[in-house]
Protein backbone atom coordinates (compact mmCIF):
# COMPACT_ATOMS: atom_id res chain seq x y z
CA MET A 1 0.21 -0.02 0.04
CA SER A 2 1.35 3.71 -0.94
CA LYS A 3 1.66 6.24 1.56
CA PHE A 4 -0.84 8.25 -1.24
CA ASP A 5 -3.13 6.04 -1.62
CA ILE A 6 -5.63 8.22 0.32
CA LEU A 7 -5.54 10.16 -2.68
CA THR A 8 -4.70 8.24 -5.93
CA LYS A 9 -7.78 5.94 -5.45
CA TYR A 10 -9.63 9.27 -7.03
CA ILE A 11 -7.89 8.54 -10.03
CA PRO A 12 -11.15 6.26 -11.20
CA LEU A 13 -13.55 8.42 -8.94
CA ILE A 14 -12.43 11.65 -10.83
CA GLN A 15 -13.63 10.04 -13.98
CA SER A 16 -17.09 8.97 -13.54
CA ASP A 17 -17.96 11.89 -11.09
CA SER A 18 -19.87 14.99 -11.96
CA VAL A 19 -17.66 17.03 -9.08
CA GLY A 20 -19.94 20.23 -8.94
CA GLU A 21 -21.76 23.29 -10.09
CA TRP A 22 -22.37 26.74 -10.17
CA VAL A 23 -25.88 27.04 -7.71
CA ILE A 24 -27.32 30.53 -8.97
CA ASP A 25 -30.39 31.89 -7.74
CA LYS A 26 -32.66 32.14 -10.42
CA GLU A 27 -36.12 32.15 -8.33
CA ASN A 28 -35.88 35.44 -6.15
CA ASP A 29 -36.02 38.82 -7.40
CA GLY A 30 -33.59 40.56 -5.20
CA THR A 31 -36.67 42.56 -3.28
CA PRO A 32 -36.18 42.46 0.49
CA GLU A 33 -38.97 40.14 0.67
CA HIS A 34 -36.88 38.04 -2.18
CA HIS A 35 -33.14 37.78 -1.41
CA ILE A 36 -31.19 36.99 -4.52
CA GLN A 37 -28.66 34.42 -2.66
CA MET A 38 -25.04 34.66 -3.91
CA PRO A 39 -23.82 31.83 -6.01
CA PHE A 40 -21.91 29.65 -5.05
CA VAL A 41 -20.58 25.95 -5.92
CA GLY A 42 -21.88 22.92 -4.71
CA TYR A 43 -19.76 19.95 -4.90
CA SER A 44 -20.29 16.50 -4.90
CA GLU A 45 -19.28 14.26 -2.17
CA MET A 46 -16.56 12.85 -3.64
CA VAL A 47 -15.06 16.31 -3.56
CA HIS A 48 -15.90 16.95 -0.09
CA ASN A 49 -13.95 13.59 0.77
CA PHE A 50 -10.88 14.74 -1.90
CA ILE A 51 -10.52 17.99 0.48
CA LYS A 52 -10.82 15.66 3.72
CA ASP A 53 -8.05 13.70 2.35
CA VAL A 54 -5.83 16.37 1.28
CA TYR A 55 -6.04 17.79 4.63
CA THR A 56 -5.20 13.91 5.88
CA ILE A 57 -2.17 13.94 4.18
CA GLU A 58 -0.70 17.12 5.51
CA GLU A 59 -1.57 15.63 8.62
CA ARG A 60 0.32 12.58 8.46
CA ASN A 61 3.33 14.00 5.86
CA LYS A 62 4.72 17.27 8.29
CA ASP A 63 7.85 16.82 6.65
CA MET A 64 6.62 17.62 3.48
CA GLU A 65 5.57 21.11 4.93
CA LEU A 66 2.43 21.24 2.48
CA THR A 67 1.08 24.22 5.12
CA ARG A 68 4.27 26.37 2.80
CA TYR A 69 2.60 24.99 -0.78
CA GLY A 70 3.54 28.76 -2.62
CA ASP A 71 6.59 28.50 -1.33
CA ILE A 72 7.25 24.90 -2.50
CA LEU A 73 5.89 25.58 -5.69
CA GLU A 74 7.77 28.75 -5.76
CA ASP A 75 11.07 26.83 -5.47
CA ASN A 76 9.95 24.47 -8.21
CA GLY A 77 9.15 27.69 -10.48
CA LEU A 78 5.94 28.22 -10.57
CA GLU A 79 3.25 30.55 -9.01
CA TRP A 80 0.03 29.55 -6.66
CA GLY A 81 -1.81 31.08 -9.72
CA THR A 82 -4.43 29.42 -11.59
CA GLU A 83 -2.52 29.31 -14.79
CA SER A 84 0.69 29.12 -13.52
CA MET A 85 -0.63 25.66 -11.80
CA LYS A 86 -3.07 24.59 -14.84
CA ASN A 87 0.22 25.05 -16.98
CA ALA A 88 2.60 23.05 -14.92
CA ASP A 89 4.77 20.60 -16.13
CA VAL A 90 4.47 17.73 -13.52
CA SER A 91 5.65 14.66 -15.34
CA ASN A 92 9.31 15.61 -13.65
CA LEU A 93 7.66 17.01 -10.33
CA ASN A 94 8.58 15.04 -6.92
CA ALA A 95 5.68 14.23 -4.61
CA GLN A 96 6.12 17.04 -2.65
CA CYS A 97 5.63 19.83 -5.39
CA VAL A 98 2.22 17.40 -6.61
CA LEU A 99 0.78 17.32 -3.32
CA ALA A 100 1.57 21.48 -2.74
CA LEU A 101 -0.12 21.87 -5.89
CA ILE A 102 -3.12 19.55 -4.72
CA MET A 103 -3.08 22.03 -1.52
CA GLY A 104 -2.54 24.88 -3.59
CA ALA A 105 -5.88 24.14 -4.76
CA VAL A 106 -8.00 22.97 -2.45
CA ARG A 107 -6.63 26.17 -0.18
CA ALA A 108 -7.46 28.56 -3.59
CA GLU A 109 -11.54 28.08 -3.25
CA ARG A 110 -11.19 29.58 0.16
CA PHE A 111 -10.49 32.55 -1.70
CA CYS A 112 -12.10 32.67 -5.02
CA ASP A 113 -15.34 30.07 -4.73
CA GLY A 114 -15.20 28.05 -7.95
CA ALA A 115 -11.33 27.58 -8.32
CA LEU A 116 -10.83 23.90 -7.06
CA LEU A 117 -14.10 23.29 -9.57
CA ASP A 118 -12.29 24.50 -12.41
CA PHE A 119 -8.74 22.52 -11.37
CA PHE A 120 -10.98 19.49 -11.38
CA LYS A 121 -12.79 20.86 -14.49
CA SER A 122 -9.87 21.11 -16.50
CA GLY A 123 -8.01 17.76 -15.66
CA CYS A 124 -5.53 19.59 -13.80
CA ILE A 125 -6.36 17.63 -10.00
CA LEU A 126 -6.58 14.19 -12.33
CA LYS A 127 -3.15 14.87 -14.20
CA TRP A 128 -1.64 15.67 -10.63
CA LEU A 129 -2.77 12.31 -9.14
CA GLU A 130 -1.58 10.68 -12.10
CA ARG A 131 1.82 11.77 -11.53
CA LEU A 132 1.38 10.99 -7.85
CA ASN A 133 0.88 7.48 -8.23
CA SER A 134 3.14 7.24 -11.24
CA ILE A 135 6.16 8.48 -8.35
CA GLU A 136 5.18 5.30 -6.29
């Protein structure tokens, strides 16, 4: 059993899961009686479990210092930003950097609604997990 199985088990699940979708309030008109709810992403149960497992990996691998994901990305010539992360050539990245990409994507959701959805829908999360799987 690999130490990253907790994440790589999601490879087949991502391929068959809807991941999530934007929920936009189209029923209310914005009047005081019918406030419009701000749009948000409704994530699937699989994504919620994935996020939980990303934090489990961080807890179990303190030596990798994944809370420093931004520094780890920078040390590998990447920025903690959507384009830099999406365009990263992961073929030669080590496990720490791949996990930093994943952690960075999960953390990005806290600052920008839908960021994680974009990383899933663009295939980045799957690509990163496949690289993590090949390292093991």
